[in-house]
Amino acid sequence: VPLWRNPSLLGAVALSFALHFAILYIPFFNAVFSVVPLGWIEWKAILLISAPIILVDEVLKLYSRTFINPPVSLAAGNKTVGVSEHDKKTQ
């Protein structure tokens, strides 16, 4: 299901981000939760460590969509567009 079709999920994610940033960057909450904001060095480390993981995941999704579970084309005489062979078998 696309994200834009679930506004409750989007609101929950936005609220979660807002609360995390509030806890990290508002001094009162820093004291209450005993945390300190991340510096630029820590953010760079997070980005450098997570970027390859995201890249590998996206390449694997592309491979899966292209070779393992490709969409059905109209040239095959099927009227359903964007439905994979696996989806057709389970319907």
PDB file of N, CA and C in Angstrom:
ATOM      1  N   VAL A   1       0.854  -1.172   0.000  1.00  0.00           N
ATOM      2  CA  VAL A   1       0.000   0.000   0.000  1.00  0.00           C
ATOM      3  C   VAL A   1       0.899   1.233   0.000  1.00  0.00           C
ATOM      4  N   PRO A   2       0.677   2.161  -0.907  1.00  0.00           N
ATOM      5  CA  PRO A   2       1.494   3.390  -0.926  1.00  0.00           C
ATOM      6  C   PRO A   2       1.317   4.202   0.358  1.00  0.00           C
ATOM      7  N   LEU A   3       2.367   4.884   0.753  1.00  0.00           N
ATOM      8  CA  LEU A   3       2.340   5.658   1.994  1.00  0.00           C
ATOM      9  C   LEU A   3       1.258   6.723   2.002  1.00  0.00           C
ATOM     10  N   TRP A   4       1.028   7.371   0.866  1.00  0.00           N
ATOM     11  CA  TRP A   4       0.072   8.472   0.832  1.00  0.00           C
ATOM     12  C   TRP A   4      -1.364   7.994   1.008  1.00  0.00           C
ATOM     13  N   ARG A   5      -1.603   6.695   0.962  1.00  0.00           N
ATOM     14  CA  ARG A   5      -2.950   6.163   1.180  1.00  0.00           C
ATOM     15  C   ARG A   5      -3.222   5.859   2.653  1.00  0.00           C
ATOM     16  N   ASN A   6      -2.234   6.061   3.495  1.00  0.00           N
ATOM     17  CA  ASN A   6      -2.403   5.787   4.915  1.00  0.00           C
ATOM     18  C   ASN A   6      -1.975   7.018   5.719  1.00  0.00           C
ATOM     19  N   PRO A   7      -2.863   8.034   5.836  1.00  0.00           N
ATOM     20  CA  PRO A   7      -2.480   9.261   6.532  1.00  0.00           C
ATOM     21  C   PRO A   7      -2.194   9.036   8.018  1.00  0.00           C
ATOM     22  N   SER A   8      -2.796   8.039   8.623  1.00  0.00           N
ATOM     23  CA  SER A   8      -2.514   7.759  10.038  1.00  0.00           C
ATOM     24  C   SER A   8      -1.063   7.322  10.224  1.00  0.00           C
ATOM     25  N   LEU A   9      -0.577   6.496   9.306  1.00  0.00           N
ATOM     26  CA  LEU A   9       0.821   6.058   9.376  1.00  0.00           C
ATOM     27  C   LEU A   9       1.758   7.246   9.180  1.00  0.00           C
ATOM     28  N   LEU A  10       1.458   8.100   8.212  1.00  0.00           N
ATOM     29  CA  LEU A  10       2.294   9.283   7.987  1.00  0.00           C
ATOM     30  C   LEU A  10       2.311  10.190   9.214  1.00  0.00           C
ATOM     31  N   GLY A  11       1.156  10.382   9.833  1.00  0.00           N
ATOM     32  CA  GLY A  11       1.093  11.192  11.049  1.00  0.00           C
ATOM     33  C   GLY A  11       1.894  10.583  12.176  1.00  0.00           C
ATOM     34  N   ALA A  12       1.805   9.269  12.341  1.00  0.00           N
ATOM     35  CA  ALA A  12       2.558   8.593  13.403  1.00  0.00           C
ATOM     36  C   ALA A  12       4.065   8.707  13.179  1.00  0.00           C
ATOM     37  N   VAL A  13       4.499   8.559  11.929  1.00  0.00           N
ATOM     38  CA  VAL A  13       5.929   8.684  11.625  1.00  0.00           C
ATOM     39  C   VAL A  13       6.397  10.120  11.875  1.00  0.00           C
ATOM     40  N   ALA A  14       5.611  11.101  11.433  1.00  0.00           N
ATOM     41  CA  ALA A  14       5.967  12.510  11.646  1.00  0.00           C
ATOM     42  C   ALA A  14       6.032  12.834  13.137  1.00  0.00           C
ATOM     43  N   LEU A  15       5.056  12.349  13.907  1.00  0.00           N
ATOM     44  CA  LEU A  15       5.063  12.584  15.350  1.00  0.00           C
ATOM     45  C   LEU A  15       6.274  11.928  16.009  1.00  0.00           C
ATOM     46  N   SER A  16       6.607  10.731  15.569  1.00  0.00           N
ATOM     47  CA  SER A  16       7.769  10.037  16.119  1.00  0.00           C
ATOM     48  C   SER A  16       9.061  10.817  15.857  1.00  0.00           C
ATOM     49  N   PHE A  17       9.214  11.305  14.610  1.00  0.00           N
ATOM     50  CA  PHE A  17      10.393  12.120  14.294  1.00  0.00           C
ATOM     51  C   PHE A  17      10.424  13.374  15.154  1.00  0.00           C
ATOM     52  N   ALA A  18       9.295  14.058  15.280  1.00  0.00           N
ATOM     53  CA  ALA A  18       9.238  15.292  16.062  1.00  0.00           C
ATOM     54  C   ALA A  18       9.612  15.043  17.517  1.00  0.00           C
ATOM     55  N   LEU A  19       9.089  13.964  18.099  1.00  0.00           N
ATOM     56  CA  LEU A  19       9.413  13.655  19.491  1.00  0.00           C
ATOM     57  C   LEU A  19      10.883  13.299  19.667  1.00  0.00           C
ATOM     58  N   HIS A  20      11.440  12.538  18.732  1.00  0.00           N
ATOM     59  CA  HIS A  20      12.867  12.207  18.818  1.00  0.00           C
ATOM     60  C   HIS A  20      13.733  13.467  18.750  1.00  0.00           C
ATOM     61  N   PHE A  21      13.420  14.350  17.806  1.00  0.00           N
ATOM     62  CA  PHE A  21      14.201  15.583  17.692  1.00  0.00           C
ATOM     63  C   PHE A  21      14.006  16.476  18.909  1.00  0.00           C
ATOM     64  N   ALA A  22      12.802  16.507  19.467  1.00  0.00           N
ATOM     65  CA  ALA A  22      12.570  17.302  20.674  1.00  0.00           C
ATOM     66  C   ALA A  22      13.405  16.776  21.831  1.00  0.00           C
ATOM     67  N   ILE A  23      13.401  15.451  22.008  1.00  0.00           N
ATOM     68  CA  ILE A  23      14.185  14.860  23.091  1.00  0.00           C
ATOM     69  C   ILE A  23      15.670  15.130  22.903  1.00  0.00           C
ATOM     70  N   LEU A  24      16.143  15.103  21.663  1.00  0.00           N
ATOM     71  CA  LEU A  24      17.573  15.309  21.416  1.00  0.00           C
ATOM     72  C   LEU A  24      18.007  16.765  21.472  1.00  0.00           C
ATOM     73  N   TYR A  25      17.163  17.693  21.044  1.00  0.00           N
ATOM     74  CA  TYR A  25      17.639  19.060  20.834  1.00  0.00           C
ATOM     75  C   TYR A  25      17.005  20.108  21.726  1.00  0.00           C
ATOM     76  N   ILE A  26      16.050  19.770  22.598  1.00  0.00           N
ATOM     77  CA  ILE A  26      15.517  20.723  23.581  1.00  0.00           C
ATOM     78  C   ILE A  26      16.213  20.428  24.911  1.00  0.00           C
ATOM     79  N   PRO A  27      16.925  21.426  25.456  1.00  0.00           N
ATOM     80  CA  PRO A  27      17.743  21.173  26.649  1.00  0.00           C
ATOM     81  C   PRO A  27      16.985  20.554  27.830  1.00  0.00           C
ATOM     82  N   PHE A  28      15.733  20.958  28.065  1.00  0.00           N
ATOM     83  CA  PHE A  28      14.979  20.376  29.171  1.00  0.00           C
ATOM     84  C   PHE A  28      14.865  18.858  29.022  1.00  0.00           C
ATOM     85  N   PHE A  29      14.520  18.410  27.819  1.00  0.00           N
ATOM     86  CA  PHE A  29      14.375  16.969  27.590  1.00  0.00           C
ATOM     87  C   PHE A  29      15.719  16.245  27.614  1.00  0.00           C
ATOM     88  N   ASN A  30      16.804  16.957  27.254  1.00  0.00           N
ATOM     89  CA  ASN A  30      18.138  16.355  27.367  1.00  0.00           C
ATOM     90  C   ASN A  30      18.406  15.923  28.797  1.00  0.00           C
ATOM     91  N   ALA A  31      18.043  16.800  29.744  1.00  0.00           N
ATOM     92  CA  ALA A  31      18.282  16.495  31.153  1.00  0.00           C
ATOM     93  C   ALA A  31      17.354  15.380  31.634  1.00  0.00           C
ATOM     94  N   VAL A  32      16.091  15.432  31.235  1.00  0.00           N
ATOM     95  CA  VAL A  32      15.120  14.432  31.694  1.00  0.00           C
ATOM     96  C   VAL A  32      15.498  13.037  31.203  1.00  0.00           C
ATOM     97  N   PHE A  33      15.892  12.925  29.934  1.00  0.00           N
ATOM     98  CA  PHE A  33      16.187  11.620  29.343  1.00  0.00           C
ATOM     99  C   PHE A  33      17.683  11.271  29.362  1.00  0.00           C
ATOM    100  N   SER A  34      18.511  12.156  29.900  1.00  0.00           N
ATOM    101  CA  SER A  34      19.970  11.949  29.992  1.00  0.00           C
ATOM    102  C   SER A  34      20.581  11.626  28.628  1.00  0.00           C
ATOM    103  N   VAL A  35      20.286  12.458  27.632  1.00  0.00           N
ATOM    104  CA  VAL A  35      20.847  12.296  26.294  1.00  0.00           C
ATOM    105  C   VAL A  35      21.519  13.589  25.865  1.00  0.00           C
ATOM    106  N   VAL A  36      22.376  13.469  24.880  1.00  0.00           N
ATOM    107  CA  VAL A  36      23.009  14.650  24.293  1.00  0.00           C
ATOM    108  C   VAL A  36      22.766  14.619  22.789  1.00  0.00           C
ATOM    109  N   PRO A  37      22.665  15.791  22.147  1.00  0.00           N
ATOM    110  CA  PRO A  37      22.462  15.809  20.702  1.00  0.00           C
ATOM    111  C   PRO A  37      23.679  15.249  19.968  1.00  0.00           C
ATOM    112  N   LEU A  38      23.409  14.675  18.801  1.00  0.00           N
ATOM    113  CA  LEU A  38      24.498  14.160  17.982  1.00  0.00           C
ATOM    114  C   LEU A  38      25.215  15.311  17.300  1.00  0.00           C
ATOM    115  N   GLY A  39      26.530  15.179  17.196  1.00  0.00           N
ATOM    116  CA  GLY A  39      27.323  16.171  16.485  1.00  0.00           C
ATOM    117  C   GLY A  39      27.475  15.773  15.025  1.00  0.00           C
ATOM    118  N   TRP A  40      28.117  16.647  14.254  1.00  0.00           N
ATOM    119  CA  TRP A  40      28.295  16.399  12.831  1.00  0.00           C
ATOM    120  C   TRP A  40      29.111  15.132  12.577  1.00  0.00           C
ATOM    121  N   ILE A  41      30.084  14.846  13.415  1.00  0.00           N
ATOM    122  CA  ILE A  41      30.918  13.646  13.234  1.00  0.00           C
ATOM    123  C   ILE A  41      30.064  12.381  13.378  1.00  0.00           C
ATOM    124  N   GLU A  42      29.184  12.365  14.374  1.00  0.00           N
ATOM    125  CA  GLU A  42      28.304  11.208  14.551  1.00  0.00           C
ATOM    126  C   GLU A  42      27.338  11.058  13.384  1.00  0.00           C
ATOM    127  N   TRP A  43      26.763  12.178  12.891  1.00  0.00           N
ATOM    128  CA  TRP A  43      25.847  12.120  11.750  1.00  0.00           C
ATOM    129  C   TRP A  43      26.558  11.614  10.499  1.00  0.00           C
ATOM    130  N   LYS A  44      27.816  12.038  10.308  1.00  0.00           N
ATOM    131  CA  LYS A  44      28.582  11.538   9.157  1.00  0.00           C
ATOM    132  C   LYS A  44      28.803  10.035   9.270  1.00  0.00           C
ATOM    133  N   ALA A  45      29.102   9.568  10.479  1.00  0.00           N
ATOM    134  CA  ALA A  45      29.303   8.129  10.684  1.00  0.00           C
ATOM    135  C   ALA A  45      28.012   7.364  10.386  1.00  0.00           C
ATOM    136  N   ILE A  46      26.886   7.886  10.841  1.00  0.00           N
ATOM    137  CA  ILE A  46      25.596   7.223  10.588  1.00  0.00           C
ATOM    138  C   ILE A  46      25.340   7.152   9.086  1.00  0.00           C
ATOM    139  N   LEU A  47      25.558   8.256   8.383  1.00  0.00           N
ATOM    140  CA  LEU A  47      25.327   8.284   6.936  1.00  0.00           C
ATOM    141  C   LEU A  47      26.268   7.342   6.196  1.00  0.00           C
ATOM    142  N   LEU A  48      27.534   7.324   6.588  1.00  0.00           N
ATOM    143  CA  LEU A  48      28.506   6.454   5.914  1.00  0.00           C
ATOM    144  C   LEU A  48      28.213   4.968   6.161  1.00  0.00           C
ATOM    145  N   ILE A  49      27.724   4.643   7.334  1.00  0.00           N
ATOM    146  CA  ILE A  49      27.427   3.240   7.639  1.00  0.00           C
ATOM    147  C   ILE A  49      26.118   2.798   6.999  1.00  0.00           C
ATOM    148  N   SER A  50      25.116   3.676   6.979  1.00  0.00           N
ATOM    149  CA  SER A  50      23.801   3.264   6.478  1.00  0.00           C
ATOM    150  C   SER A  50      23.660   3.372   4.959  1.00  0.00           C
ATOM    151  N   ALA A  51      24.402   4.235   4.308  1.00  0.00           N
ATOM    152  CA  ALA A  51      24.263   4.414   2.857  1.00  0.00           C
ATOM    153  C   ALA A  51      24.496   3.113   2.073  1.00  0.00           C
ATOM    154  N   PRO A  52      25.558   2.365   2.337  1.00  0.00           N
ATOM    155  CA  PRO A  52      25.739   1.112   1.584  1.00  0.00           C
ATOM    156  C   PRO A  52      24.607   0.105   1.822  1.00  0.00           C
ATOM    157  N   ILE A  53      24.062   0.076   3.027  1.00  0.00           N
ATOM    158  CA  ILE A  53      22.964  -0.850   3.324  1.00  0.00           C
ATOM    159  C   ILE A  53      21.737  -0.487   2.503  1.00  0.00           C
ATOM    160  N   ILE A  54      21.421   0.800   2.444  1.00  0.00           N
ATOM    161  CA  ILE A  54      20.269   1.254   1.656  1.00  0.00           C
ATOM    162  C   ILE A  54      20.504   0.974   0.176  1.00  0.00           C
ATOM    163  N   LEU A  55      21.710   1.230  -0.309  1.00  0.00           N
ATOM    164  CA  LEU A  55      22.043   0.991  -1.714  1.00  0.00           C
ATOM    165  C   LEU A  55      21.888  -0.494  -2.070  1.00  0.00           C
ATOM    166  N   VAL A  56      22.418  -1.378  -1.247  1.00  0.00           N
ATOM    167  CA  VAL A  56      22.307  -2.816  -1.503  1.00  0.00           C
ATOM    168  C   VAL A  56      20.845  -3.248  -1.487  1.00  0.00           C
ATOM    169  N   ASP A  57      20.070  -2.736  -0.555  1.00  0.00           N
ATOM    170  CA  ASP A  57      18.653  -3.082  -0.475  1.00  0.00           C
ATOM    171  C   ASP A  57      17.900  -2.638  -1.727  1.00  0.00           C
ATOM    172  N   GLU A  58      18.178  -1.444  -2.215  1.00  0.00           N
ATOM    173  CA  GLU A  58      17.506  -0.953  -3.424  1.00  0.00           C
ATOM    174  C   GLU A  58      17.909  -1.772  -4.653  1.00  0.00           C
ATOM    175  N   VAL A  59      19.175  -2.170  -4.748  1.00  0.00           N
ATOM    176  CA  VAL A  59      19.625  -3.004  -5.869  1.00  0.00           C
ATOM    177  C   VAL A  59      18.940  -4.371  -5.816  1.00  0.00           C
ATOM    178  N   LEU A  60      18.812  -4.938  -4.622  1.00  0.00           N
ATOM    179  CA  LEU A  60      18.127  -6.226  -4.488  1.00  0.00           C
ATOM    180  C   LEU A  60      16.646  -6.121  -4.854  1.00  0.00           C
ATOM    181  N   LYS A  61      15.990  -5.025  -4.483  1.00  0.00           N
ATOM    182  CA  LYS A  61      14.590  -4.837  -4.870  1.00  0.00           C
ATOM    183  C   LYS A  61      14.460  -4.705  -6.379  1.00  0.00           C
ATOM    184  N   LEU A  62      15.367  -3.962  -7.008  1.00  0.00           N
ATOM    185  CA  LEU A  62      15.336  -3.812  -8.461  1.00  0.00           C
ATOM    186  C   LEU A  62      15.537  -5.164  -9.139  1.00  0.00           C
ATOM    187  N   TYR A  63      16.486  -5.944  -8.667  1.00  0.00           N
ATOM    188  CA  TYR A  63      16.736  -7.268  -9.223  1.00  0.00           C
ATOM    189  C   TYR A  63      15.502  -8.157  -9.082  1.00  0.00           C
ATOM    190  N   SER A  64      14.896  -8.130  -7.904  1.00  0.00           N
ATOM    191  CA  SER A  64      13.709  -8.952  -7.663  1.00  0.00           C
ATOM    192  C   SER A  64      12.558  -8.545  -8.571  1.00  0.00           C
ATOM    193  N   ARG A  65      12.328  -7.247  -8.709  1.00  0.00           N
ATOM    194  CA  ARG A  65      11.228  -6.777  -9.557  1.00  0.00           C
ATOM    195  C   ARG A  65      11.492  -7.020 -11.035  1.00  0.00           C
ATOM    196  N   THR A  66      12.754  -7.035 -11.428  1.00  0.00           N
ATOM    197  CA  THR A  66      13.090  -7.190 -12.838  1.00  0.00           C
ATOM    198  C   THR A  66      13.176  -8.651 -13.264  1.00  0.00           C
ATOM    199  N   PHE A  67      13.824  -9.497 -12.451  1.00  0.00           N
ATOM    200  CA  PHE A  67      14.113 -10.857 -12.883  1.00  0.00           C
ATOM    201  C   PHE A  67      13.308 -11.934 -12.162  1.00  0.00           C
ATOM    202  N   ILE A  68      13.059 -11.786 -10.896  1.00  0.00           N
ATOM    203  CA  ILE A  68      12.396 -12.834 -10.133  1.00  0.00           C
ATOM    204  C   ILE A  68      10.875 -12.740 -10.233  1.00  0.00           C
ATOM    205  N   ASN A  69      10.335 -11.529 -10.130  1.00  0.00           N
ATOM    206  CA  ASN A  69       8.893 -11.336 -10.119  1.00  0.00           C
ATOM    207  C   ASN A  69       8.522 -10.175 -11.039  1.00  0.00           C
ATOM    208  N   PRO A  70       8.798 -10.286 -12.342  1.00  0.00           N
ATOM    209  CA  PRO A  70       8.542  -9.147 -13.244  1.00  0.00           C
ATOM    210  C   PRO A  70       7.048  -8.931 -13.476  1.00  0.00           C
ATOM    211  N   PRO A  71       6.662  -7.695 -13.781  1.00  0.00           N
ATOM    212  CA  PRO A  71       5.253  -7.437 -14.084  1.00  0.00           C
ATOM    213  C   PRO A  71       4.869  -8.057 -15.428  1.00  0.00           C
ATOM    214  N   VAL A  72       3.597  -8.352 -15.596  1.00  0.00           N
ATOM    215  CA  VAL A  72       3.087  -8.940 -16.820  1.00  0.00           C
ATOM    216  C   VAL A  72       2.878  -7.814 -17.834  1.00  0.00           C
ATOM    217  N   SER A  73       3.270  -8.052 -19.073  1.00  0.00           N
ATOM    218  CA  SER A  73       3.110  -7.011 -20.090  1.00  0.00           C
ATOM    219  C   SER A  73       1.815  -7.213 -20.866  1.00  0.00           C
ATOM    220  N   LEU A  74       1.337  -6.159 -21.524  1.00  0.00           N
ATOM    221  CA  LEU A  74       0.138  -6.248 -22.351  1.00  0.00           C
ATOM    222  C   LEU A  74       0.391  -7.047 -23.619  1.00  0.00           C
ATOM    223  N   ALA A  75       1.648  -7.117 -24.049  1.00  0.00           N
ATOM    224  CA  ALA A  75       1.990  -7.843 -25.267  1.00  0.00           C
ATOM    225  C   ALA A  75       1.695  -9.336 -25.121  1.00  0.00           C
ATOM    226  N   ALA A  76       1.650  -9.821 -23.920  1.00  0.00           N
ATOM    227  CA  ALA A  76       1.386 -11.239 -23.688  1.00  0.00           C
ATOM    228  C   ALA A  76      -0.094 -11.573 -23.818  1.00  0.00           C
ATOM    229  N   GLY A  77      -0.915 -10.573 -24.102  1.00  0.00           N
ATOM    230  CA  GLY A  77      -2.333 -10.809 -24.263  1.00  0.00           C
ATOM    231  C   GLY A  77      -3.102 -10.794 -22.955  1.00  0.00           C
ATOM    232  N   ASN A  78      -2.457 -10.393 -21.900  1.00  0.00           N
ATOM    233  CA  ASN A  78      -3.101 -10.325 -20.601  1.00  0.00           C
ATOM    234  C   ASN A  78      -3.588  -8.901 -20.374  1.00  0.00           C
ATOM    235  N   LYS A  79      -4.771  -8.730 -19.858  1.00  0.00           N
ATOM    236  CA  LYS A  79      -5.323  -7.401 -19.667  1.00  0.00           C
ATOM    237  C   LYS A  79      -4.949  -6.794 -18.329  1.00  0.00           C
ATOM    238  N   THR A  80      -4.324  -7.570 -17.446  1.00  0.00           N
ATOM    239  CA  THR A  80      -3.932  -7.014 -16.162  1.00  0.00           C
ATOM    240  C   THR A  80      -2.528  -6.440 -16.257  1.00  0.00           C
ATOM    241  N   VAL A  81      -2.398  -5.171 -15.933  1.00  0.00           N
ATOM    242  CA  VAL A  81      -1.103  -4.490 -16.011  1.00  0.00           C
ATOM    243  C   VAL A  81      -0.515  -4.401 -14.611  1.00  0.00           C
ATOM    244  N   GLY A  82       0.766  -4.694 -14.505  1.00  0.00           N
ATOM    245  CA  GLY A  82       1.469  -4.549 -13.248  1.00  0.00           C
ATOM    246  C   GLY A  82       1.249  -5.685 -12.260  1.00  0.00           C
ATOM    247  N   VAL A  83       0.621  -6.770 -12.669  1.00  0.00           N
ATOM    248  CA  VAL A  83       0.410  -7.908 -11.801  1.00  0.00           C
ATOM    249  C   VAL A  83       1.424  -8.984 -12.181  1.00  0.00           C
ATOM    250  N   SER A  84       2.149  -9.443 -11.207  1.00  0.00           N
ATOM    251  CA  SER A  84       3.182 -10.442 -11.486  1.00  0.00           C
ATOM    252  C   SER A  84       2.563 -11.829 -11.623  1.00  0.00           C
ATOM    253  N   GLU A  85       3.343 -12.755 -12.131  1.00  0.00           N
ATOM    254  CA  GLU A  85       2.880 -14.139 -12.265  1.00  0.00           C
ATOM    255  C   GLU A  85       2.534 -14.722 -10.891  1.00  0.00           C
ATOM    256  N   HIS A  86       3.336 -14.390  -9.901  1.00  0.00           N
ATOM    257  CA  HIS A  86       3.086 -14.880  -8.548  1.00  0.00           C
ATOM    258  C   HIS A  86       1.749 -14.363  -8.038  1.00  0.00           C
ATOM    259  N   ASP A  87       1.445 -13.078  -8.262  1.00  0.00           N
ATOM    260  CA  ASP A  87       0.184 -12.509  -7.819  1.00  0.00           C
ATOM    261  C   ASP A  87      -0.994 -13.152  -8.535  1.00  0.00           C
ATOM    262  N   LYS A  88      -0.830 -13.459  -9.819  1.00  0.00           N
ATOM    263  CA  LYS A  88      -1.919 -14.069 -10.575  1.00  0.00           C
ATOM    264  C   LYS A  88      -2.216 -15.476 -10.036  1.00  0.00           C
ATOM    265  N   LYS A  89      -1.184 -16.202  -9.627  1.00  0.00           N
ATOM    266  CA  LYS A  89      -1.381 -17.551  -9.105  1.00  0.00           C
ATOM    267  C   LYS A  89      -2.102 -17.543  -7.774  1.00  0.00           C
ATOM    268  N   THR A  90      -1.878 -16.487  -6.979  1.00  0.00           N
ATOM    269  CA  THR A  90      -2.488 -16.442  -5.650  1.00  0.00           C
ATOM    270  C   THR A  90      -3.883 -15.843  -5.665  1.00  0.00           C
ATOM    271  N   GLN A  91      -4.352 -15.310  -6.804  1.00  0.00           N
ATOM    272  CA  GLN A  91      -5.692 -14.715  -6.873  1.00  0.00           C
ATOM    273  C   GLN A  91      -6.755 -15.745  -7.066  1.00  0.00           C
TER     274      GLN A  91
END
